[in-house]
N, C-alpha and C. Protein backbone atom coordinates (compact mmCIF):
# COMPACT_ATOMS: atom_id res chain seq x y z
N MET A 1 -71.81 31.04 -63.68
CA MET A 1 -73.52 30.86 -64.29
C MET A 1 -74.01 29.98 -64.02
N GLY A 2 -75.16 30.37 -64.24
CA GLY A 2 -76.90 29.62 -63.78
C GLY A 2 -76.88 29.62 -65.44
N ARG A 3 -78.37 28.59 -65.72
CA ARG A 3 -78.53 28.69 -66.84
C ARG A 3 -79.54 29.44 -67.09
N ARG A 4 -80.07 29.74 -68.15
CA ARG A 4 -81.49 30.95 -68.68
C ARG A 4 -82.39 30.09 -68.69
N ARG A 5 -83.98 30.42 -68.52
CA ARG A 5 -84.83 30.35 -69.21
C ARG A 5 -85.15 31.06 -70.36
N PRO A 6 -85.53 30.74 -71.51
CA PRO A 6 -85.78 31.27 -72.89
C PRO A 6 -86.39 32.48 -72.50
N GLU A 7 -87.31 32.25 -71.61
CA GLU A 7 -88.08 33.61 -71.33
C GLU A 7 -87.45 34.84 -70.33
N GLY A 8 -85.99 34.33 -70.08
CA GLY A 8 -85.46 35.05 -69.10
C GLY A 8 -85.72 34.62 -67.43
N GLY A 9 -84.61 34.87 -66.70
CA GLY A 9 -84.66 34.61 -65.51
C GLY A 9 -83.88 33.43 -64.97
N GLU A 10 -83.31 32.60 -63.73
CA GLU A 10 -82.32 31.93 -63.47
C GLU A 10 -83.63 30.22 -63.70
N VAL A 11 -83.19 29.18 -63.89
CA VAL A 11 -83.45 28.14 -64.03
C VAL A 11 -83.24 26.82 -62.92
N PRO A 12 -84.11 26.61 -61.68
CA PRO A 12 -83.60 25.97 -60.81
C PRO A 12 -82.94 24.30 -61.06
N PRO A 13 -81.79 23.66 -60.57
CA PRO A 13 -81.07 22.69 -61.36
C PRO A 13 -81.88 21.53 -61.87
N THR A 14 -83.23 21.50 -61.44
CA THR A 14 -84.48 20.53 -61.56
C THR A 14 -85.32 20.83 -62.87
N THR A 15 -84.92 21.59 -63.39
CA THR A 15 -85.57 22.05 -64.66
C THR A 15 -84.65 22.15 -65.66
N LEU A 16 -85.84 20.98 -66.87
CA LEU A 16 -84.75 20.41 -67.65
C LEU A 16 -85.49 21.66 -68.72
N ILE A 17 -84.42 22.04 -69.82
CA ILE A 17 -84.65 23.18 -70.94
C ILE A 17 -84.85 22.34 -72.18
N LEU A 18 -85.87 21.81 -72.64
CA LEU A 18 -85.90 20.73 -73.04
C LEU A 18 -85.11 21.15 -75.02
N ASP A 19 -84.97 22.20 -75.48
CA ASP A 19 -84.30 22.69 -76.55
C ASP A 19 -82.91 22.70 -76.48
N GLU A 20 -82.48 22.43 -75.41
CA GLU A 20 -80.70 22.82 -75.04
C GLU A 20 -80.24 21.43 -74.76
N ILE A 21 -81.19 20.18 -74.74
CA ILE A 21 -80.97 18.76 -74.75
C ILE A 21 -80.34 18.24 -76.48
N GLU A 22 -79.10 17.97 -76.75
CA GLU A 22 -79.16 18.11 -78.12
C GLU A 22 -79.19 16.32 -78.52
N GLU A 23 -80.04 16.56 -80.05
CA GLU A 23 -79.74 15.44 -80.40
C GLU A 23 -79.11 13.83 -80.10
N GLY A 24 -79.24 12.87 -80.01
CA GLY A 24 -77.87 11.56 -79.28
C GLY A 24 -78.33 11.53 -77.84
N ILE A 25 -76.57 11.13 -77.38
CA ILE A 25 -76.92 11.01 -76.52
C ILE A 25 -75.93 12.07 -75.54
N SER A 26 -76.18 12.69 -74.07
CA SER A 26 -75.42 13.28 -73.57
C SER A 26 -75.80 13.33 -72.05
N ARG A 27 -74.77 13.77 -71.48
CA ARG A 27 -74.75 13.64 -69.83
C ARG A 27 -74.90 15.16 -69.07
N ARG A 28 -75.43 15.13 -67.74
CA ARG A 28 -75.26 16.66 -67.48
C ARG A 28 -75.53 16.13 -65.91
N GLN A 29 -74.49 17.12 -65.36
CA GLN A 29 -74.70 17.02 -63.89
C GLN A 29 -74.95 17.96 -63.01
N VAL A 30 -76.04 18.22 -62.06
CA VAL A 30 -76.40 19.16 -61.46
C VAL A 30 -76.07 18.76 -59.86
N GLU A 31 -76.82 20.17 -59.11
CA GLU A 31 -76.86 19.74 -57.76
C GLU A 31 -77.69 20.04 -57.42
N VAL A 32 -78.47 19.76 -55.97
CA VAL A 32 -79.51 20.05 -56.04
C VAL A 32 -80.02 20.01 -54.31
N ASP A 33 -80.13 21.50 -53.87
CA ASP A 33 -80.67 21.63 -52.38
C ASP A 33 -81.78 20.69 -51.71
N THR A 34 -81.31 19.90 -51.16
CA THR A 34 -81.99 18.91 -50.24
C THR A 34 -83.26 19.49 -49.62
N ALA A 35 -83.26 20.77 -49.01
CA ALA A 35 -83.96 21.25 -48.08
C ALA A 35 -85.21 21.73 -49.24
N GLY A 36 -84.77 21.83 -50.68
CA GLY A 36 -86.19 22.77 -51.60
C GLY A 36 -87.09 21.33 -51.95
N LEU A 37 -86.36 19.53 -51.83
CA LEU A 37 -87.12 18.82 -52.01
C LEU A 37 -88.49 18.59 -51.49
N ASP A 38 -88.53 19.39 -50.04
CA ASP A 38 -89.59 19.34 -49.85
C ASP A 38 -90.03 17.67 -48.75
N LEU A 39 -88.93 17.21 -48.20
CA LEU A 39 -88.94 15.73 -47.60
C LEU A 39 -89.84 15.30 -46.37
N GLY A 40 -90.38 16.69 -46.07
CA GLY A 40 -91.17 16.58 -44.55
C GLY A 40 -90.12 16.13 -43.01
N GLU A 41 -90.34 15.96 -42.16
CA GLU A 41 -90.15 15.88 -40.95
C GLU A 41 -90.23 13.99 -41.10
N GLY A 42 -89.23 13.69 -40.25
CA GLY A 42 -89.08 12.18 -40.47
C GLY A 42 -87.89 12.03 -39.38
N ASP A 43 -87.66 10.43 -40.03
CA ASP A 43 -86.20 9.65 -38.77
C ASP A 43 -85.22 9.85 -39.84
N PHE A 44 -85.25 10.55 -41.29
CA PHE A 44 -83.95 10.76 -41.75
C PHE A 44 -83.77 12.20 -42.42
N ARG A 45 -82.49 12.39 -42.31
CA ARG A 45 -81.92 14.08 -42.86
C ARG A 45 -80.99 13.50 -43.91
N LEU A 46 -81.44 14.08 -44.85
CA LEU A 46 -80.27 14.58 -45.94
C LEU A 46 -78.84 15.44 -45.54
N VAL A 47 -77.79 15.08 -45.71
CA VAL A 47 -76.99 16.36 -45.43
C VAL A 47 -75.95 16.96 -46.72
N GLY A 48 -76.44 18.23 -47.29
CA GLY A 48 -75.60 18.07 -48.55
C GLY A 48 -76.47 18.33 -49.18
N PRO A 49 -76.05 18.45 -50.64
CA PRO A 49 -76.98 18.74 -52.21
C PRO A 49 -76.96 17.74 -52.53
N LEU A 50 -78.34 17.15 -53.22
CA LEU A 50 -77.94 15.87 -54.07
C LEU A 50 -77.43 15.92 -55.57
N GLN A 51 -76.41 15.12 -55.28
CA GLN A 51 -75.52 15.21 -56.71
C GLN A 51 -76.53 14.25 -57.91
N VAL A 52 -76.80 14.67 -59.05
CA VAL A 52 -77.78 14.11 -59.49
C VAL A 52 -77.14 14.32 -61.52
N VAL A 53 -76.70 13.09 -61.68
CA VAL A 53 -76.26 12.45 -62.88
C VAL A 53 -77.06 12.61 -63.88
N PHE A 54 -77.98 13.56 -65.00
CA PHE A 54 -78.36 12.97 -65.55
C PHE A 54 -77.95 12.45 -67.42
N ARG A 55 -78.53 11.45 -68.08
CA ARG A 55 -78.37 10.85 -68.83
C ARG A 55 -79.39 11.30 -70.09
N PHE A 56 -79.05 11.46 -70.99
CA PHE A 56 -80.50 12.32 -72.09
C PHE A 56 -80.14 11.23 -73.52
N ASN A 57 -80.79 11.02 -74.20
CA ASN A 57 -80.63 10.40 -74.98
C ASN A 57 -82.20 10.78 -76.03
N ARG A 58 -82.06 11.63 -76.86
CA ARG A 58 -82.74 12.46 -77.21
C ARG A 58 -82.73 11.82 -78.81
N SER A 59 -83.94 11.89 -79.38
CA SER A 59 -84.46 11.41 -81.05
C SER A 59 -85.91 12.26 -81.13
N ALA A 60 -85.51 13.53 -81.99
CA ALA A 60 -86.50 14.35 -82.36
C ALA A 60 -87.21 14.52 -81.15
N GLN A 61 -88.28 14.43 -80.85
CA GLN A 61 -88.93 15.17 -80.15
C GLN A 61 -89.24 13.93 -78.54
N THR A 62 -88.95 13.09 -78.36
CA THR A 62 -88.44 12.33 -77.50
C THR A 62 -87.55 12.14 -76.59
N PHE A 63 -87.62 12.24 -75.67
CA PHE A 63 -86.41 12.20 -74.74
C PHE A 63 -86.21 11.02 -73.08
N GLN A 64 -85.60 10.56 -73.69
CA GLN A 64 -85.22 9.50 -72.21
C GLN A 64 -84.35 9.92 -71.58
N VAL A 65 -84.40 9.98 -70.11
CA VAL A 65 -84.43 10.65 -69.55
C VAL A 65 -83.82 9.37 -68.28
N SER A 66 -82.48 9.26 -67.56
CA SER A 66 -82.20 8.46 -66.76
C SER A 66 -81.34 9.11 -65.57
N GLY A 67 -81.37 9.19 -64.72
CA GLY A 67 -80.82 9.80 -63.45
C GLY A 67 -79.94 8.61 -62.08
N GLN A 68 -79.33 9.29 -61.79
CA GLN A 68 -78.21 8.53 -60.71
C GLN A 68 -78.03 9.65 -59.53
N LEU A 69 -78.93 9.73 -58.50
CA LEU A 69 -78.79 10.31 -57.37
C LEU A 69 -77.78 9.98 -56.33
N CYS A 70 -77.56 10.78 -55.46
CA CYS A 70 -76.12 10.49 -54.63
C CYS A 70 -76.15 11.52 -54.10
N CYS A 71 -76.62 10.91 -52.23
CA CYS A 71 -76.55 12.35 -51.06
C CYS A 71 -76.05 11.49 -50.01
N GLN A 72 -75.86 12.06 -48.74
CA GLN A 72 -75.56 11.76 -47.64
C GLN A 72 -76.40 11.87 -46.86
N LEU A 73 -76.97 10.38 -45.80
CA LEU A 73 -78.40 10.45 -45.05
C LEU A 73 -77.33 10.17 -43.92
N ILE A 74 -78.93 10.81 -42.91
CA ILE A 74 -78.45 10.56 -41.25
C ILE A 74 -79.45 10.35 -40.77
N ALA A 75 -79.73 9.40 -39.71
CA ALA A 75 -80.76 8.45 -39.31
C ALA A 75 -80.17 8.14 -37.79
N GLU A 76 -81.23 7.90 -37.02
CA GLU A 76 -80.74 7.00 -35.91
C GLU A 76 -80.94 5.15 -35.79
N CYS A 77 -79.65 4.71 -35.40
CA CYS A 77 -79.96 3.34 -35.66
C CYS A 77 -81.25 3.08 -34.69
N CYS A 78 -81.64 1.64 -35.77
CA CYS A 78 -82.82 1.82 -35.24
C CYS A 78 -82.36 0.41 -33.92
N ARG A 79 -81.38 0.04 -33.26
CA ARG A 79 -81.74 -0.75 -32.32
C ARG A 79 -80.97 0.06 -31.53
N CYS A 80 -80.04 1.08 -31.46
CA CYS A 80 -79.17 1.55 -30.26
C CYS A 80 -79.29 3.21 -30.39
N LEU A 81 -80.13 3.89 -31.15
CA LEU A 81 -80.14 5.29 -31.47
C LEU A 81 -79.22 5.80 -31.57
N GLU A 82 -78.38 5.73 -31.60
CA GLU A 82 -76.69 6.28 -32.35
C GLU A 82 -77.26 6.79 -33.62
N PRO A 83 -76.99 8.54 -33.88
CA PRO A 83 -76.42 8.87 -35.45
C PRO A 83 -75.78 7.85 -36.11
N VAL A 84 -76.60 7.70 -37.27
CA VAL A 84 -75.52 6.71 -38.16
C VAL A 84 -75.39 7.90 -39.64
N GLU A 85 -74.62 8.11 -40.07
CA GLU A 85 -74.73 8.66 -41.31
C GLU A 85 -73.79 7.76 -42.59
N GLN A 86 -75.03 7.60 -43.26
CA GLN A 86 -74.40 6.66 -44.76
C GLN A 86 -75.19 7.01 -46.21
N GLU A 87 -74.14 6.83 -46.98
CA GLU A 87 -74.83 7.37 -48.55
C GLU A 87 -75.95 6.87 -49.00
N LEU A 88 -77.00 7.54 -49.47
CA LEU A 88 -78.03 6.88 -50.39
C LEU A 88 -77.95 7.79 -51.29
N GLU A 89 -78.16 5.91 -52.41
CA GLU A 89 -78.45 6.15 -54.08
C GLU A 89 -79.43 6.01 -54.91
N ALA A 90 -79.63 6.85 -55.57
CA ALA A 90 -81.30 6.40 -56.00
C ALA A 90 -81.08 6.26 -57.69
N ASP A 91 -82.20 5.98 -58.22
CA ASP A 91 -82.29 6.29 -60.05
C ASP A 91 -83.66 6.56 -60.37
N LEU A 92 -83.55 6.80 -61.45
CA LEU A 92 -84.72 8.09 -62.23
C LEU A 92 -84.69 7.49 -63.34
N GLN A 93 -85.62 7.34 -63.60
CA GLN A 93 -86.28 6.85 -65.21
C GLN A 93 -87.30 6.96 -65.54
N LEU A 94 -87.28 7.72 -66.55
CA LEU A 94 -88.24 8.85 -67.32
C LEU A 94 -88.14 8.80 -68.74
N LEU A 95 -89.47 8.59 -69.68
CA LEU A 95 -89.76 8.82 -70.78
C LEU A 95 -90.61 10.65 -70.98
N LEU A 96 -89.76 11.34 -71.88
CA LEU A 96 -90.57 12.17 -72.12
C LEU A 96 -90.93 12.85 -73.37
N GLN A 97 -91.76 12.58 -74.11
CA GLN A 97 -92.37 13.00 -75.63
C GLN A 97 -93.32 13.80 -75.93
N ARG A 98 -92.96 14.66 -76.56
CA ARG A 98 -93.84 15.89 -77.16
C ARG A 98 -94.78 15.85 -78.15
N GLN A 99 -95.85 15.36 -77.83
CA GLN A 99 -96.52 15.28 -78.86
C GLN A 99 -98.33 15.41 -78.48
N GLN A 100 -98.93 15.48 -79.65
CA GLN A 100 -100.66 15.75 -79.51
C GLN A 100 -100.75 14.64 -79.24
N LEU A 101 -101.77 14.27 -77.95
CA LEU A 101 -102.40 12.78 -78.25
C LEU A 101 -104.14 13.48 -77.46
N SER A 102 -104.85 12.28 -77.93
CA SER A 102 -106.54 12.51 -77.97
C SER A 102 -106.89 12.23 -77.22
N GLY A 103 -107.64 12.05 -76.52
CA GLY A 103 -108.05 11.70 -74.68
C GLY A 103 -107.78 10.43 -74.36
N ASP A 104 -108.32 9.52 -75.53
CA ASP A 104 -108.19 8.01 -75.03
C ASP A 104 -106.73 7.46 -74.75
N GLU A 105 -105.90 8.69 -75.60
CA GLU A 105 -104.38 7.85 -76.13
C GLU A 105 -103.97 8.79 -74.79
N ARG A 106 -104.31 9.96 -74.37
CA ARG A 106 -103.59 10.43 -73.28
C ARG A 106 -103.79 9.25 -71.80
N GLU A 107 -105.28 8.55 -71.78
CA GLU A 107 -105.72 8.27 -70.65
C GLU A 107 -104.85 6.99 -70.90
N ALA A 108 -104.63 6.12 -71.74
CA ALA A 108 -103.84 4.94 -71.75
C ALA A 108 -102.38 5.62 -71.40
N VAL A 109 -102.02 6.47 -71.66
CA VAL A 109 -100.20 6.55 -71.07
C VAL A 109 -100.58 7.13 -69.81
N ALA A 110 -101.51 7.56 -69.12
CA ALA A 110 -101.62 8.38 -68.04
C ALA A 110 -101.51 7.17 -66.79
N GLU A 111 -101.63 5.54 -67.12
CA GLU A 111 -100.94 4.91 -66.01
C GLU A 111 -100.36 4.72 -66.47
N ASP A 112 -98.65 4.47 -67.17
CA ASP A 112 -97.23 4.78 -66.72
C ASP A 112 -96.72 5.84 -66.02
N GLU A 113 -96.20 5.83 -64.78
CA GLU A 113 -95.80 6.88 -64.25
C GLU A 113 -94.14 6.95 -64.94
N ASP A 114 -93.90 5.61 -65.79
CA ASP A 114 -92.42 6.37 -65.93
C ASP A 114 -92.40 6.99 -67.87
N VAL A 115 -94.05 7.10 -67.77
CA VAL A 115 -93.83 8.26 -69.19
C VAL A 115 -94.88 9.71 -69.73
N GLU A 116 -94.35 10.52 -69.56
CA GLU A 116 -95.01 11.66 -69.40
C GLU A 116 -95.25 12.29 -70.46
N ILE A 117 -96.18 12.77 -71.29
CA ILE A 117 -96.92 13.21 -72.59
C ILE A 117 -96.86 14.40 -72.31
N LEU A 118 -96.00 15.62 -73.28
CA LEU A 118 -95.81 16.88 -73.06
C LEU A 118 -96.56 17.67 -74.56
N ASP A 119 -97.32 18.87 -74.02
CA ASP A 119 -98.00 19.48 -75.36
C ASP A 119 -97.07 19.73 -75.97
N PRO A 120 -96.90 19.75 -77.71
CA PRO A 120 -96.08 19.97 -78.61
C PRO A 120 -94.90 21.45 -78.43
N GLY A 121 -95.53 22.30 -77.92
CA GLY A 121 -94.87 23.83 -77.75
C GLY A 121 -94.05 23.46 -76.23
N ALA A 122 -93.93 22.62 -75.47
CA ALA A 122 -93.60 22.67 -74.44
C ALA A 122 -92.33 22.76 -74.40
N LYS A 123 -91.64 23.64 -73.85
CA LYS A 123 -90.17 24.46 -73.44
C LYS A 123 -89.51 23.59 -72.74
N GLN A 124 -89.93 23.42 -71.29
CA GLN A 124 -89.07 22.80 -69.95
C GLN A 124 -90.52 21.92 -69.33
N VAL A 125 -89.53 21.19 -68.72
CA VAL A 125 -89.90 20.20 -67.80
C VAL A 125 -88.91 20.51 -65.86
N ASP A 126 -90.30 20.42 -65.44
CA ASP A 126 -89.67 20.43 -64.11
C ASP A 126 -89.41 18.64 -63.47
N LEU A 127 -88.41 18.70 -62.70
CA LEU A 127 -88.13 17.04 -62.29
C LEU A 127 -88.24 16.95 -61.07
N LYS A 128 -88.19 18.16 -60.05
CA LYS A 128 -88.33 18.44 -58.91
C LYS A 128 -88.97 16.80 -58.31
N GLU A 129 -90.67 17.15 -58.39
CA GLU A 129 -91.23 15.85 -58.01
C GLU A 129 -90.90 14.55 -58.22
N ARG A 130 -90.17 14.39 -59.39
CA ARG A 130 -89.58 13.35 -59.44
C ARG A 130 -88.17 13.14 -58.61
N LEU A 131 -87.38 13.65 -58.37
CA LEU A 131 -86.27 13.52 -57.41
C LEU A 131 -86.65 13.17 -56.23
N ARG A 132 -87.72 13.79 -55.89
CA ARG A 132 -88.08 13.56 -54.57
C ARG A 132 -89.00 12.28 -54.24
N GLU A 133 -89.63 11.91 -55.19
CA GLU A 133 -90.26 10.70 -55.44
C GLU A 133 -88.70 9.18 -55.32
N ALA A 134 -87.97 9.76 -56.17
CA ALA A 134 -86.76 8.86 -55.72
C ALA A 134 -86.31 8.28 -54.87
N VAL A 135 -86.06 9.69 -54.11
CA VAL A 135 -85.37 9.53 -52.69
C VAL A 135 -86.36 8.63 -51.79
N LEU A 136 -87.66 9.50 -51.75
CA LEU A 136 -88.25 9.05 -50.69
C LEU A 136 -88.43 7.30 -51.05
N LEU A 137 -88.29 6.66 -52.72
CA LEU A 137 -88.60 5.23 -52.63
C LEU A 137 -87.21 4.32 -52.36
N ASP A 138 -85.95 5.45 -52.31
CA ASP A 138 -85.09 4.37 -51.78
C ASP A 138 -84.41 4.56 -50.85
N LEU A 139 -85.21 5.38 -49.85
CA LEU A 139 -84.89 5.35 -48.02
C LEU A 139 -85.39 4.22 -47.85
N PRO A 140 -83.90 3.35 -46.68
CA PRO A 140 -83.82 2.73 -45.91
C PRO A 140 -85.00 2.29 -44.97
N MET A 141 -85.36 1.34 -45.41
CA MET A 141 -86.37 1.11 -44.00
C MET A 141 -85.77 0.99 -42.53
N ARG A 142 -84.67 0.51 -42.30
CA ARG A 142 -83.78 0.38 -40.91
C ARG A 142 -82.79 0.60 -41.22
N VAL A 143 -81.70 1.38 -40.29
CA VAL A 143 -80.22 1.74 -40.07
C VAL A 143 -79.69 0.90 -39.28
N TYR A 144 -78.85 0.66 -39.69
CA TYR A 144 -77.84 0.31 -38.23
C TYR A 144 -76.69 0.88 -38.61
N CYS A 145 -76.00 1.25 -36.50
CA CYS A 145 -74.89 1.79 -36.68
C CYS A 145 -73.69 0.69 -37.41
N ARG A 146 -74.21 -0.92 -37.07
CA ARG A 146 -73.19 -1.66 -37.28
C ARG A 146 -73.80 -3.17 -37.33
N GLU A 147 -73.43 -4.06 -38.47
CA GLU A 147 -74.36 -5.10 -38.91
C GLU A 147 -74.39 -5.67 -36.76
N ASP A 148 -73.65 -6.05 -36.28
CA ASP A 148 -73.82 -6.47 -34.81
C ASP A 148 -74.21 -5.71 -34.03
N CYS A 149 -74.78 -4.83 -34.10
CA CYS A 149 -75.09 -3.46 -33.32
C CYS A 149 -76.03 -4.58 -31.83
N LYS A 150 -75.58 -4.42 -30.47
CA LYS A 150 -76.57 -5.19 -29.73
C LYS A 150 -77.53 -4.24 -29.31
N GLY A 151 -77.74 -3.15 -29.24
CA GLY A 151 -79.35 -2.06 -29.04
C GLY A 151 -78.92 -1.75 -27.46
N LEU A 152 -80.04 -1.72 -27.19
CA LEU A 152 -79.97 -0.86 -25.56
C LEU A 152 -80.60 -2.15 -25.01
N CYS A 153 -80.41 -2.02 -23.71
CA CYS A 153 -80.77 -2.83 -22.28
C CYS A 153 -82.69 -2.73 -22.32
N PRO A 154 -83.71 -3.37 -22.65
CA PRO A 154 -84.54 -3.45 -22.23
C PRO A 154 -85.13 -2.65 -20.62
N GLN A 155 -84.56 -3.23 -19.52
CA GLN A 155 -84.36 -2.56 -18.44
C GLN A 155 -84.50 -1.27 -18.35
N CYS A 156 -82.97 -0.84 -18.14
CA CYS A 156 -82.00 0.39 -18.13
C CYS A 156 -82.11 1.06 -19.22
N GLY A 157 -81.96 0.75 -20.47
CA GLY A 157 -82.00 1.67 -21.50
C GLY A 157 -79.79 2.05 -21.66
N HIS A 158 -79.37 1.40 -21.30
CA HIS A 158 -77.85 1.11 -21.34
C HIS A 158 -77.34 0.80 -22.88
N ASN A 159 -77.17 1.50 -23.47
CA ASN A 159 -76.62 0.98 -25.21
C ASN A 159 -75.38 -0.26 -24.59
N LEU A 160 -76.03 -1.08 -24.85
CA LEU A 160 -75.07 -2.54 -24.92
C LEU A 160 -73.68 -2.26 -25.91
N ASN A 161 -73.37 -2.12 -26.41
CA ASN A 161 -72.51 -1.64 -27.58
C ASN A 161 -71.27 -1.05 -26.57
N SER A 162 -71.58 -0.42 -25.28
CA SER A 162 -70.33 0.36 -24.79
C SER A 162 -69.83 -0.20 -23.75
N GLY A 163 -70.75 -1.87 -23.88
CA GLY A 163 -70.35 -2.76 -22.46
C GLY A 163 -71.51 -3.20 -21.44
N PRO A 164 -71.82 -4.46 -20.91
CA PRO A 164 -72.93 -4.74 -20.09
C PRO A 164 -73.21 -3.70 -19.29
N CYS A 165 -74.39 -4.31 -19.19
CA CYS A 165 -75.11 -2.88 -17.56
C CYS A 165 -75.18 -3.85 -16.71
N THR A 166 -75.81 -3.25 -15.46
CA THR A 166 -75.62 -3.85 -14.31
C THR A 166 -76.90 -4.51 -13.93
N CYS A 167 -77.66 -4.53 -15.04
CA CYS A 167 -79.34 -5.25 -14.84
C CYS A 167 -78.81 -7.23 -14.68
N ALA A 168 -79.99 -7.47 -13.64
CA ALA A 168 -80.05 -9.34 -13.95
C ALA A 168 -79.78 -9.37 -15.02
N THR A 169 -79.79 -10.51 -15.56
CA THR A 169 -79.55 -11.10 -16.91
C THR A 169 -80.26 -11.78 -17.12
N GLY A 170 -80.66 -12.92 -15.78
CA GLY A 170 -81.93 -13.86 -16.10
C GLY A 170 -82.97 -13.40 -15.55
N GLN A 171 -83.32 -12.56 -15.11
CA GLN A 171 -84.76 -11.61 -15.07
C GLN A 171 -86.09 -12.12 -15.63
N ALA A 172 -87.24 -12.27 -15.31
CA ALA A 172 -88.26 -13.43 -16.19
C ALA A 172 -88.60 -11.99 -16.18
N ASP A 173 -89.26 -11.95 -17.36
CA ASP A 173 -90.23 -10.27 -17.97
C ASP A 173 -91.54 -11.21 -17.20
N LEU A 174 -92.34 -9.65 -15.71
CA LEU A 174 -93.44 -10.18 -15.75
C LEU A 174 -94.83 -10.21 -16.35
N ARG A 175 -94.80 -9.60 -17.55
CA ARG A 175 -95.53 -9.84 -18.15
C ARG A 175 -96.14 -11.22 -18.54
N TRP A 176 -95.29 -12.16 -19.06
CA TRP A 176 -95.41 -13.62 -19.58
C TRP A 176 -95.28 -14.23 -18.11
N ALA A 177 -95.82 -13.86 -16.85
CA ALA A 177 -95.92 -15.37 -16.00
C ALA A 177 -97.09 -16.05 -16.19
N ALA A 178 -98.03 -15.29 -16.61
CA ALA A 178 -99.61 -16.15 -16.50
C ALA A 178 -98.91 -17.30 -17.37
N LEU A 179 -98.28 -17.35 -18.60
CA LEU A 179 -98.40 -18.21 -18.97
C LEU A 179 -97.44 -19.79 -18.75
N ARG A 180 -96.70 -19.25 -17.47
CA ARG A 180 -95.76 -20.61 -17.17
C ARG A 180 -96.62 -21.12 -16.22
N ASP A 181 -97.65 -20.81 -15.53
CA ASP A 181 -99.06 -22.43 -15.27
C ASP A 181 -99.69 -22.11 -16.08
N LEU A 182 -99.69 -22.20 -17.04
CA LEU A 182 -100.44 -23.00 -18.83
C LEU A 182 -100.40 -24.21 -18.65
N LYS A 183 -101.38 -25.13 -18.61
CA LYS A 183 -100.73 -26.72 -18.90
C LYS A 183 -101.09 -27.00 -20.10
N LEU A 184 -100.41 -27.45 -21.26
CA LEU A 184 -100.78 -27.72 -22.49
C LEU A 184 -101.17 -29.46 -22.41
N SER A 185 -102.18 -29.79 -22.67
CA SER A 185 -102.37 -31.33 -22.81
C SER A 185 -102.17 -32.21 -24.00
């Protein structure tokens, strides 16, 4: 059975009900539907739910939140374009504090992305956008099917991991032919 909001209704797994977090150190594990994170259309696709383990350290109205995120990622190898599945791991660090701040204090704290000041009466906070950012920041720049991937033949497009192609190997690239005649003194 899912958690309920103080005012009734189901609570998404990305929402923290602050008064449910006990003083001291506690943990909570949740599964978040990756489709709900709205990662957009890109070169990567997340498979299955995002596994999140939250660790809370609460002291009065201060909540130190750390999270470890894990899910499966499918992408194309950047050399041979074959599909690759690998595990994506990301971390989340956040300090939540319920307190009243003046305009100057709020402005000073606004620059720190890892600190969020909440109104003293705040009952819950949604971490969906924070989880989304953590996943996006930890997406790999390049994915390889294997470390020694040979890629595709630049002439015929044959996947060189499955064997050599029939293209001539010593053929010069005509785009560089003008440089052959260049005389350097």
